[in-house]
C-alpha cells in the first residue's frame, strides 16, 4: 500500500497517479530504478535529472500542490531515486489534467484506484476533520429517534437525558433546532433501515471451504447493539466445539476464541462506512475460517501494519463514542491486539487483515490452518538469517554444511512463502543475497 516501483520517470501518468494516491491515502515511497514486475534493481542513468523530473511532474501535475521528499541512494553500485510522499491535509489531491472528479486516486493494496463519489466525499470530510456519522440529518427531528431504545441500552450505565444525547452527538444543533446525526439514526433511528438500508449484518454458513453451498443464513437488521449479539449467537451455533478432558471433567473448546470473534464483529460495526450503498456488513463461516467484511477501506492515513501495532483512527466517532460508553469498546487500538493474543493462546495463526475493492476483511483461521514454522534445512536457514545479516547462497550453504544446490531449493521455497526476501539486480545475479522478512 505504501510502496511502488518504477523503472524510470519517462511516463508521467503512472507516477502522478501514484503520488496523488499516496497523498490521499496513507503516504508512501516511490522507488525509481527498479522494474515494477520483476523487482529487478537496474538503477537510473542520471539521478539528478530524474530528481528534477519528479519535482517538475509533481508541481505541474497535481492539485493541490504536494511537496515530496526526493533523495538519491546508492544500492549495489547503481543509483536509485527515492520519492517519499506524506498523507496530505488538503484532500482530495487530483491530477490537474483530469480534474477533481475524474483525477482523484486512492491506494487499495498495491494498486491505484480511481476514487468513487463516496470516496471523494470521505476524502473531503477528512480534510475538514468531520466524520460521516457526525453529519446532521436536517430533515429529521428528535421524534425520529427511538429514545426508549436509547435509554434501554444505557439502563445499566446511567440515566440518559437530553444533555447526554447532545454530548454523545446522537443529537446536534442545527440552527435553532436539535436534529439527529447520521450516527444517531444508525444507532437508534425509528426508521434506520429506510435511511440506511445497508446498516445490517448479513451472515451465512457455507458447507466446506468455498461459497458453493449455503447451509444456514440470517440477516441481523435490529439496532447495532442487538445485531452484534445476534451475529455472535449465529457464530456460536455455526462453528464447531472441541473437547478437552481434565481429570473426570470434560471441557468444551470453541473452534475460535470468543473474544476474537466479538472484537472482529464489534470493529466491523463500529468502523463500517455507512455512506456506501449496497454494502452491508458480511460474515461468512466456512469449515476452516471465518471472514468478517465491512464496507470501507481503512481510514485515510492508516495502514494495516500501523493498525496491528495499536494505532487507531476511528471512522465513526458517534458510534465509537456510544460503544465506548456502553463498554463494547474498552480502549482505542487495543482490539486488534486482543484478537491476536487470543488466537495465539489457542494455538491458532494470527488473524489476517486485507483491503479489497472498497471493503476491509478480517479472517480468523481454525486449528486446521495453524501456521507451522518450517523444519529441517529450511528451518535452519531461517534461524541463521534471524540475526538480520544478508547472506549469499554460498555463505548459507557453508554455514549449514549443505550443498549450494540444496540451499537454493530451500531458499526458493522460503521466498515463495514470503519468509525470506531475495535481493539482487536480477534473478540470475550471481551476487544476490537473502535476508529474513521482518515479523
Protein backbone atom coordinates (compact mmCIF):
# COMPACT_ATOMS: atom_id res chain seq x y z
CA UNK A 1 0.00 0.00 0.00
CA UNK A 2 2.85 2.40 0.72
CA UNK A 3 5.47 1.19 -1.79
CA UNK A 4 5.70 1.47 -5.58
CA UNK A 5 8.46 0.70 -8.10
CA UNK A 6 9.15 2.36 -11.45
CA UNK A 7 11.91 1.72 -13.96
CA UNK A 8 12.35 5.45 -14.70
CA UNK A 9 10.46 8.73 -14.96
CA UNK A 10 9.77 8.54 -18.70
CA UNK A 11 5.99 8.16 -18.25
CA UNK A 12 4.45 10.84 -16.06
CA UNK A 13 0.89 9.46 -15.93
CA UNK A 14 1.54 6.42 -13.68
CA UNK A 15 3.85 8.50 -11.46
CA UNK A 16 1.21 11.20 -10.99
CA UNK A 17 -1.44 8.61 -10.12
CA UNK A 18 0.85 7.01 -7.56
CA UNK A 19 1.94 10.28 -5.91
CA UNK A 20 -1.62 11.61 -5.68
CA UNK A 21 -2.91 8.26 -4.36
CA UNK A 22 -0.18 8.22 -1.69
CA UNK A 23 -1.15 11.78 -0.67
CA UNK A 24 -4.83 10.85 -0.44
CA UNK A 25 -4.38 7.60 1.45
CA UNK A 26 -1.53 6.82 3.85
CA UNK A 27 1.57 8.27 2.23
CA UNK A 28 4.21 6.10 0.63
CA UNK A 29 7.52 5.68 -1.16
CA UNK A 30 8.13 5.58 -4.90
CA UNK A 31 11.40 3.89 -5.87
CA UNK A 32 12.77 4.75 -9.33
CA UNK A 33 15.37 2.41 -10.79
CA UNK A 34 13.56 -0.86 -10.01
CA UNK A 35 11.45 -2.80 -12.51
CA UNK A 36 7.89 -2.96 -11.22
CA UNK A 37 7.01 -6.54 -12.17
CA UNK A 38 10.32 -8.33 -11.59
CA UNK A 39 11.68 -6.13 -8.74
CA UNK A 40 14.99 -6.13 -10.66
CA UNK A 41 17.29 -3.34 -9.45
CA UNK A 42 18.57 -1.59 -12.58
CA UNK A 43 19.26 1.94 -11.33
CA UNK A 44 18.82 5.24 -13.18
CA UNK A 45 21.43 6.64 -15.54
CA UNK A 46 21.22 10.28 -14.45
CA UNK A 47 19.72 10.50 -10.94
CA UNK A 48 19.98 14.31 -10.75
CA UNK A 49 17.98 14.67 -13.95
CA UNK A 50 15.37 12.19 -12.66
CA UNK A 51 15.15 14.13 -9.39
CA UNK A 52 14.36 17.32 -11.33
CA UNK A 53 11.82 15.45 -13.47
CA UNK A 54 9.96 14.19 -10.43
CA UNK A 55 9.77 17.60 -8.79
CA UNK A 56 8.53 19.15 -12.06
CA UNK A 57 5.97 16.37 -12.65
CA UNK A 58 4.59 16.75 -9.12
CA UNK A 59 4.49 20.56 -9.21
CA UNK A 60 2.74 20.79 -12.59
CA UNK A 61 0.52 17.73 -12.46
CA UNK A 62 -1.10 17.53 -9.00
CA UNK A 63 -3.57 19.85 -7.29
CA UNK A 64 -3.47 20.96 -4.52
CA UNK A 65 0.31 21.06 -4.74
CA UNK A 66 2.31 18.43 -2.89
CA UNK A 67 5.91 18.61 -1.69
CA UNK A 68 7.51 15.17 -1.96
CA UNK A 69 10.91 14.46 -0.45
CA UNK A 70 13.39 13.23 -3.06
CA UNK A 71 16.78 11.66 -2.33
CA UNK A 72 19.38 9.70 -4.28
CA UNK A 73 20.74 6.48 -2.78
CA UNK A 74 23.34 4.00 -3.98
CA UNK A 75 22.47 0.30 -3.99
CA UNK A 76 24.84 -2.34 -5.30
CA UNK A 77 26.82 0.16 -7.42
CA UNK A 78 23.75 1.76 -9.05
CA UNK A 79 21.77 4.86 -8.14
CA UNK A 80 18.11 4.89 -7.17
CA UNK A 81 15.83 7.88 -6.71
CA UNK A 82 13.62 7.60 -3.62
CA UNK A 83 10.48 9.75 -3.57
CA UNK A 84 8.66 9.97 -0.22
CA UNK A 85 5.11 11.34 -0.03
CA UNK A 86 3.24 12.03 3.21
CA UNK A 87 -0.53 11.94 3.77
CA UNK A 88 -1.82 15.37 2.83
CA UNK A 89 -4.12 17.64 4.88
CA UNK A 90 -5.92 19.09 1.83
CA UNK A 91 -7.58 16.01 0.35
CA UNK A 92 -8.58 15.20 -2.30
CA UNK A 93 -5.37 15.50 -4.33
CA UNK A 94 -6.03 15.01 -8.02
CA UNK A 95 -4.42 15.08 -11.46
CA UNK A 96 -4.63 18.63 -12.78
CA UNK A 97 -5.19 17.41 -16.34
CA UNK A 98 -8.25 15.32 -15.37
CA UNK A 99 -9.87 17.44 -12.67
CA UNK A 100 -11.09 16.59 -9.21
CA UNK A 101 -13.94 14.20 -10.09
CA UNK A 102 -12.07 12.06 -12.64
CA UNK A 103 -8.50 12.57 -11.46
CA UNK A 104 -8.60 11.59 -7.78
CA UNK A 105 -6.96 8.27 -6.85
CA UNK A 106 -6.50 6.22 -3.67
CA UNK A 107 -4.32 3.22 -2.84
CA UNK A 108 -6.02 -0.15 -2.47
CA UNK A 109 -3.37 -2.72 -1.67
CA UNK A 110 -0.56 -2.15 -4.16
CA UNK A 111 -2.75 -0.55 -6.83
CA UNK A 112 -4.04 2.93 -7.60
CA UNK A 113 -7.85 3.10 -7.79
CA UNK A 114 -9.91 5.98 -9.13
CA UNK A 115 -11.93 7.40 -6.24
CA UNK A 116 -15.69 6.90 -6.42
CA UNK A 117 -18.14 9.63 -5.44
CA UNK A 118 -18.38 8.10 -1.95
CA UNK A 119 -14.59 8.03 -1.55
CA UNK A 120 -14.32 11.61 -2.79
CA UNK A 121 -16.83 12.71 -0.19
CA UNK A 122 -14.87 10.88 2.51
CA UNK A 123 -11.63 12.49 1.36
CA UNK A 124 -13.25 15.90 1.68
CA UNK A 125 -14.59 15.08 5.15
CA UNK A 126 -11.13 14.08 6.37
CA UNK A 127 -9.74 17.43 5.21
CA UNK A 128 -12.49 19.11 7.28
CA UNK A 129 -11.91 16.70 10.19
CA UNK A 130 -15.55 15.62 10.14
CA UNK A 131 -16.83 12.04 10.35
CA UNK A 132 -19.77 10.94 8.21
CA UNK A 133 -21.74 9.82 11.25
CA UNK A 134 -21.36 13.30 12.80
CA UNK A 135 -23.24 14.99 9.96
CA UNK A 136 -26.71 16.34 10.84
CA UNK A 137 -29.80 14.84 9.22
CA UNK A 138 -31.52 18.17 8.81
CA UNK A 139 -34.87 16.84 7.59
CA UNK A 140 -35.40 14.73 10.71
CA UNK A 141 -36.37 15.67 14.26
CA UNK A 142 -35.86 14.26 17.74
CA UNK A 143 -39.08 12.27 17.26
CA UNK A 144 -37.32 10.22 14.56
CA UNK A 145 -35.12 8.66 17.27
CA UNK A 146 -36.33 5.80 19.45
CA UNK A 147 -35.38 7.37 22.78
CA UNK A 148 -36.85 4.44 24.72
CA UNK A 149 -34.38 2.15 22.92
CA UNK A 150 -31.52 4.55 23.68
CA UNK A 151 -32.45 4.67 27.38
CA UNK A 152 -32.73 0.87 27.48
CA UNK A 153 -29.24 0.48 26.03
CA UNK A 154 -27.83 2.78 28.73
CA UNK A 155 -30.01 1.45 31.56
CA UNK A 156 -27.14 -0.36 33.28
CA UNK A 157 -24.77 2.58 32.79
CA UNK A 158 -26.62 5.79 33.54
CA UNK A 159 -29.89 7.60 33.16
CA UNK A 160 -29.85 9.07 29.68
CA UNK A 161 -31.01 12.67 29.38
CA UNK A 162 -31.21 15.29 26.64
CA UNK A 163 -27.78 16.70 27.53
CA UNK A 164 -26.27 13.21 27.24
CA UNK A 165 -27.66 12.80 23.73
CA UNK A 166 -26.03 16.09 22.73
CA UNK A 167 -22.75 15.19 24.47
CA UNK A 168 -22.67 11.85 22.65
CA UNK A 169 -23.52 13.70 19.40
CA UNK A 170 -26.52 11.45 18.86
CA UNK A 171 -28.30 14.81 18.57
CA UNK A 172 -26.72 18.00 17.28
CA UNK A 173 -27.81 21.62 16.97
CA UNK A 174 -28.79 22.83 13.51
CA UNK A 175 -29.85 26.44 13.59
CA UNK A 176 -32.45 26.75 16.33
CA UNK A 177 -33.33 23.08 16.30
CA UNK A 178 -31.92 19.81 17.55
CA UNK A 179 -31.69 17.14 14.86
CA UNK A 180 -30.31 13.59 14.82
CA UNK A 181 -26.86 12.90 13.42
CA UNK A 182 -26.18 10.09 10.98
CA UNK A 183 -24.71 8.08 13.86
CA UNK A 184 -27.78 8.75 15.99
CA UNK A 185 -30.06 7.38 13.27
CA UNK A 186 -27.86 4.33 12.62
CA UNK A 187 -27.87 3.55 16.35
CA UNK A 188 -31.39 4.50 17.44
CA UNK A 189 -33.41 5.63 14.41
CA UNK A 190 -37.03 4.51 14.28
CA UNK A 191 -36.73 4.02 10.51
CA UNK A 192 -32.99 3.40 10.42
CA UNK A 193 -33.13 0.93 7.51
CA UNK A 194 -35.20 3.34 5.46
CA UNK A 195 -32.39 5.89 5.69
CA UNK A 196 -29.51 3.41 5.72
CA UNK A 197 -30.73 0.14 4.17
CA UNK A 198 -27.28 -1.45 4.42
CA UNK A 199 -26.87 -0.82 8.15
CA UNK A 200 -27.32 -4.54 8.81
CA UNK A 201 -25.24 -7.69 9.20
CA UNK A 202 -25.64 -10.46 6.64
CA UNK A 203 -24.41 -13.86 7.90
CA UNK A 204 -24.07 -17.19 6.12
CA UNK A 205 -22.71 -20.66 6.93
CA UNK A 206 -21.16 -22.41 3.94
CA UNK A 207 -20.51 -26.12 3.55
CA UNK A 208 -16.80 -26.81 3.11
CA UNK A 209 -14.23 -24.14 2.31
CA UNK A 210 -15.88 -22.27 -0.60
CA UNK A 211 -19.16 -20.46 -1.31
CA UNK A 212 -20.73 -23.21 -3.42
CA UNK A 213 -23.43 -24.26 -0.93
CA UNK A 214 -25.10 -22.34 1.91
CA UNK A 215 -26.40 -24.37 4.87
CA UNK A 216 -27.71 -21.50 7.02
CA UNK A 217 -28.17 -17.75 6.80
CA UNK A 218 -29.69 -14.83 8.68
CA UNK A 219 -29.91 -11.03 8.40
CA UNK A 220 -29.43 -9.08 11.63
CA UNK A 221 -31.50 -5.96 10.94
CA UNK A 222 -32.02 -4.73 14.50
CA UNK A 223 -30.17 -1.83 16.11
CA UNK A 224 -26.36 -2.29 16.07
CA UNK A 225 -26.02 -3.40 19.71
CA UNK A 226 -28.66 -6.12 19.30
CA UNK A 227 -27.36 -7.02 15.83
CA UNK A 228 -23.92 -7.70 17.31
CA UNK A 229 -25.44 -10.14 19.81
CA UNK A 230 -27.45 -11.85 17.06
CA UNK A 231 -24.32 -12.19 14.95
CA UNK A 232 -22.35 -13.71 17.84
CA UNK A 233 -25.17 -16.18 18.54
CA UNK A 234 -25.09 -17.24 14.89
CA UNK A 235 -21.31 -17.69 15.07
CA UNK A 236 -21.61 -19.81 18.22
CA UNK A 237 -24.04 -22.22 16.57
CA UNK A 238 -22.22 -22.23 13.23
CA UNK A 239 -18.72 -23.08 14.47
CA UNK A 240 -17.50 -26.35 15.91
CA UNK A 241 -16.87 -27.28 19.52
CA UNK A 242 -13.92 -29.43 20.53
CA UNK A 243 -13.41 -31.20 23.83
CA UNK A 244 -10.70 -31.29 26.48
CA UNK A 245 -10.72 -33.83 29.32
CA UNK A 246 -9.33 -32.60 32.62
CA UNK A 247 -9.42 -35.41 35.20
CA UNK A 248 -13.01 -36.56 35.45
CA UNK A 249 -14.40 -33.45 33.77
CA UNK A 250 -15.00 -32.59 30.17
CA UNK A 251 -14.46 -29.01 28.95
CA UNK A 252 -15.80 -27.69 25.66
CA UNK A 253 -13.32 -25.83 23.48
CA UNK A 254 -14.64 -23.41 20.84
CA UNK A 255 -13.20 -23.51 17.33
CA UNK A 256 -12.34 -19.81 17.59
CA UNK A 257 -11.61 -17.63 20.64
CA UNK A 258 -14.90 -15.93 21.63
CA UNK A 259 -13.04 -12.69 22.43
CA UNK A 260 -11.56 -12.62 18.90
CA UNK A 261 -14.96 -13.16 17.26
CA UNK A 262 -16.52 -10.48 19.45
CA UNK A 263 -13.79 -7.92 18.74
CA UNK A 264 -13.96 -8.60 15.00
CA UNK A 265 -17.75 -8.17 14.84
CA UNK A 266 -17.77 -5.03 17.03
CA UNK A 267 -14.96 -3.48 14.99
CA UNK A 268 -16.82 -4.23 11.75
CA UNK A 269 -19.92 -2.40 13.02
CA UNK A 270 -18.00 0.49 14.61
CA UNK A 271 -15.78 1.15 11.58
CA UNK A 272 -18.15 0.41 8.68
CA UNK A 273 -18.58 3.12 6.05
CA UNK A 274 -22.33 3.74 6.21
CA UNK A 275 -22.16 6.17 3.30
CA UNK A 276 -21.65 3.28 0.88
CA UNK A 277 -24.72 1.95 -0.92
CA UNK A 278 -25.22 -1.78 -1.48
CA UNK A 279 -22.57 -2.88 1.02
CA UNK A 280 -23.85 -4.39 4.27
CA UNK A 281 -21.51 -6.00 6.77
CA UNK A 282 -20.96 -9.61 5.70
CA UNK A 283 -19.87 -12.53 7.85
CA UNK A 284 -19.11 -15.87 6.18
CA UNK A 285 -18.43 -19.06 8.13
CA UNK A 286 -16.50 -21.87 6.43
CA UNK A 287 -15.14 -25.14 7.76
CA UNK A 288 -11.66 -23.67 8.10
CA UNK A 289 -12.19 -19.94 8.65
CA UNK A 290 -14.50 -17.03 9.44
CA UNK A 291 -14.44 -13.94 7.22
CA UNK A 292 -15.83 -10.64 8.54
CA UNK A 293 -16.16 -7.94 5.86
CA UNK A 294 -17.19 -4.35 6.44
CA UNK A 295 -17.71 -1.64 3.80
CA UNK A 296 -14.96 0.96 3.65
CA UNK A 297 -11.20 0.96 3.36
CA UNK A 298 -9.06 1.71 6.38
CA UNK A 299 -9.42 5.35 7.49
CA UNK A 300 -7.17 7.55 5.36
CA UNK A 301 -3.73 7.90 6.88
CA UNK A 302 -3.75 4.41 8.44
CA UNK A 303 -2.04 1.23 7.21
CA UNK A 304 -2.62 -2.39 8.22
CA UNK A 305 0.84 -2.51 9.80
CA UNK A 306 0.10 0.54 11.95
CA UNK A 307 -3.28 -0.88 12.93
CA UNK A 308 -1.63 -4.12 14.08
CA UNK A 309 0.76 -2.06 16.24
CA UNK A 310 -2.20 -0.50 18.06
CA UNK A 311 -2.55 2.77 16.11
CA UNK A 312 -6.24 3.66 15.90
CA UNK A 313 -8.25 6.04 13.71
CA UNK A 314 -11.97 5.97 14.30
CA UNK A 315 -14.12 6.37 11.21
CA UNK A 316 -17.43 6.74 13.08
CA UNK A 317 -16.96 8.99 16.09
CA UNK A 318 -20.58 8.96 17.25
CA UNK A 319 -20.91 5.18 17.06
CA UNK A 320 -17.46 4.75 18.61
CA UNK A 321 -18.28 7.11 21.48
CA UNK A 322 -21.57 5.32 22.22
CA UNK A 323 -19.90 1.89 22.03
CA UNK A 324 -17.20 3.10 24.41
CA UNK A 325 -19.81 4.36 26.89
CA UNK A 326 -21.62 1.01 26.66
CA UNK A 327 -18.40 -0.92 27.32
CA UNK A 328 -18.33 -2.55 23.88
CA UNK A 329 -15.04 -0.81 23.10
CA UNK A 330 -12.62 -0.71 26.03
CA UNK A 331 -9.60 1.18 24.74
CA UNK A 332 -8.84 2.65 21.32
CA UNK A 333 -6.49 0.43 19.30
CA UNK A 334 -6.45 -2.49 21.75
CA UNK A 335 -8.98 -4.72 19.99
CA UNK A 336 -6.61 -5.97 17.29
CA UNK A 337 -4.03 -6.91 19.90
CA UNK A 338 -6.62 -8.81 21.95
CA UNK A 339 -7.73 -10.72 18.86
CA UNK A 340 -4.17 -11.75 18.03
CA UNK A 341 -3.33 -12.69 21.61
CA UNK A 342 -6.49 -14.78 21.96
CA UNK A 343 -5.71 -16.67 18.74
CA UNK A 344 -2.11 -17.27 19.86
CA UNK A 345 -3.29 -18.64 23.22
CA UNK A 346 -5.41 -21.23 21.39
CA UNK A 347 -2.55 -22.17 19.08
CA UNK A 348 -4.13 -20.57 16.02
CA UNK A 349 -2.40 -18.49 13.41
CA UNK A 350 -2.84 -14.75 13.71
CA UNK A 351 -5.88 -13.13 12.09
CA UNK A 352 -5.26 -11.77 8.61
CA UNK A 353 -6.33 -8.28 7.54
CA UNK A 354 -6.78 -7.10 3.97
CA UNK A 355 -8.32 -4.33 1.88
CA UNK A 356 -10.04 -5.22 -1.37
CA UNK A 357 -12.36 -3.23 -3.59
CA UNK A 358 -13.81 -0.74 -1.12
CA UNK A 359 -14.09 -3.22 1.76
CA UNK A 360 -11.99 -4.38 4.68
CA UNK A 361 -11.80 -8.06 5.67
CA UNK A 362 -10.68 -9.82 8.84
CA UNK A 363 -10.15 -13.58 8.59
CA UNK A 364 -9.90 -15.86 11.61
CA UNK A 365 -8.37 -19.26 10.87
CA UNK A 366 -9.31 -22.52 12.54
CA UNK A 367 -6.89 -25.05 14.02
CA UNK A 368 -6.56 -26.71 10.63
CA UNK A 369 -4.98 -23.51 9.36
CA UNK A 370 -2.43 -23.18 12.16
CA UNK A 371 0.87 -21.86 10.87
CA UNK A 372 3.85 -24.17 11.34
CA UNK A 373 7.42 -22.98 11.29
CA UNK A 374 9.41 -24.86 8.68
CA UNK A 375 11.76 -27.51 9.99
CA UNK A 376 14.83 -29.24 8.60
CA UNK A 377 17.15 -27.28 6.34
CA UNK A 378 14.54 -24.55 5.71
CA UNK A 379 14.15 -24.01 9.45
CA UNK A 380 17.93 -23.88 9.88
CA UNK A 381 18.15 -21.22 7.15
CA UNK A 382 15.57 -19.09 8.94
CA UNK A 383 17.41 -19.44 12.25
CA UNK A 384 20.67 -18.42 10.58
CA UNK A 385 19.13 -15.35 8.95
CA UNK A 386 17.34 -14.16 12.12
CA UNK A 387 20.37 -12.04 13.01
CA UNK A 388 19.43 -9.70 10.15
CA UNK A 389 22.67 -10.22 8.21
CA UNK A 390 22.30 -10.60 4.43
CA UNK A 391 23.99 -13.75 3.13
CA UNK A 392 24.63 -15.30 -0.26
CA UNK A 393 23.69 -18.87 -1.16
CA UNK A 394 27.32 -19.94 -0.79
CA UNK A 395 27.64 -18.44 2.69
CA UNK A 396 24.40 -20.03 3.86
CA UNK A 397 25.43 -23.40 2.46
CA UNK A 398 28.86 -23.20 4.12
CA UNK A 399 27.38 -22.22 7.47
CA UNK A 400 24.92 -25.10 7.46
CA UNK A 401 27.21 -27.71 5.89
CA UNK A 402 24.88 -28.48 2.97
CA UNK A 403 25.33 -28.21 -0.78
CA UNK A 404 24.59 -24.95 -2.62
CA UNK A 405 22.01 -26.80 -4.73
CA UNK A 406 20.08 -27.93 -1.65
CA UNK A 407 20.34 -24.42 -0.22
CA UNK A 408 18.96 -22.85 -3.41
CA UNK A 409 15.99 -25.24 -3.39
CA UNK A 410 15.01 -24.34 0.17
CA UNK A 411 15.66 -20.63 -0.37
CA UNK A 412 13.31 -20.63 -3.34
CA UNK A 413 10.54 -22.16 -1.21
CA UNK A 414 11.14 -19.70 1.61
CA UNK A 415 10.99 -16.77 -0.82
CA UNK A 416 7.73 -18.09 -2.31
CA UNK A 417 6.31 -18.46 1.21
CA UNK A 418 7.14 -14.84 1.97
CA UNK A 419 9.53 -15.72 4.81
CA UNK A 420 12.76 -14.69 3.08
CA UNK A 421 13.42 -11.87 0.63
CA UNK A 422 15.83 -12.12 -2.30
CA UNK A 423 17.96 -9.05 -3.05
CA UNK A 424 19.70 -8.76 -6.42
CA UNK A 425 19.77 -6.89 -9.70
CA UNK A 426 18.11 -9.83 -11.47
CA UNK A 427 17.08 -13.45 -10.89
CA UNK A 428 20.42 -14.59 -12.29
CA UNK A 429 22.54 -12.05 -10.41
CA UNK A 430 25.48 -14.11 -9.02
CA UNK A 431 25.95 -11.64 -6.15
CA UNK A 432 22.36 -11.71 -4.88
CA UNK A 433 21.82 -12.17 -1.16
CA UNK A 434 19.00 -13.18 1.15
CA UNK A 435 17.57 -11.86 4.40
CA UNK A 436 14.69 -12.88 6.61
CA UNK A 437 11.44 -10.91 6.35
CA UNK A 438 10.92 -8.80 9.47
CA UNK A 439 8.00 -10.02 11.59
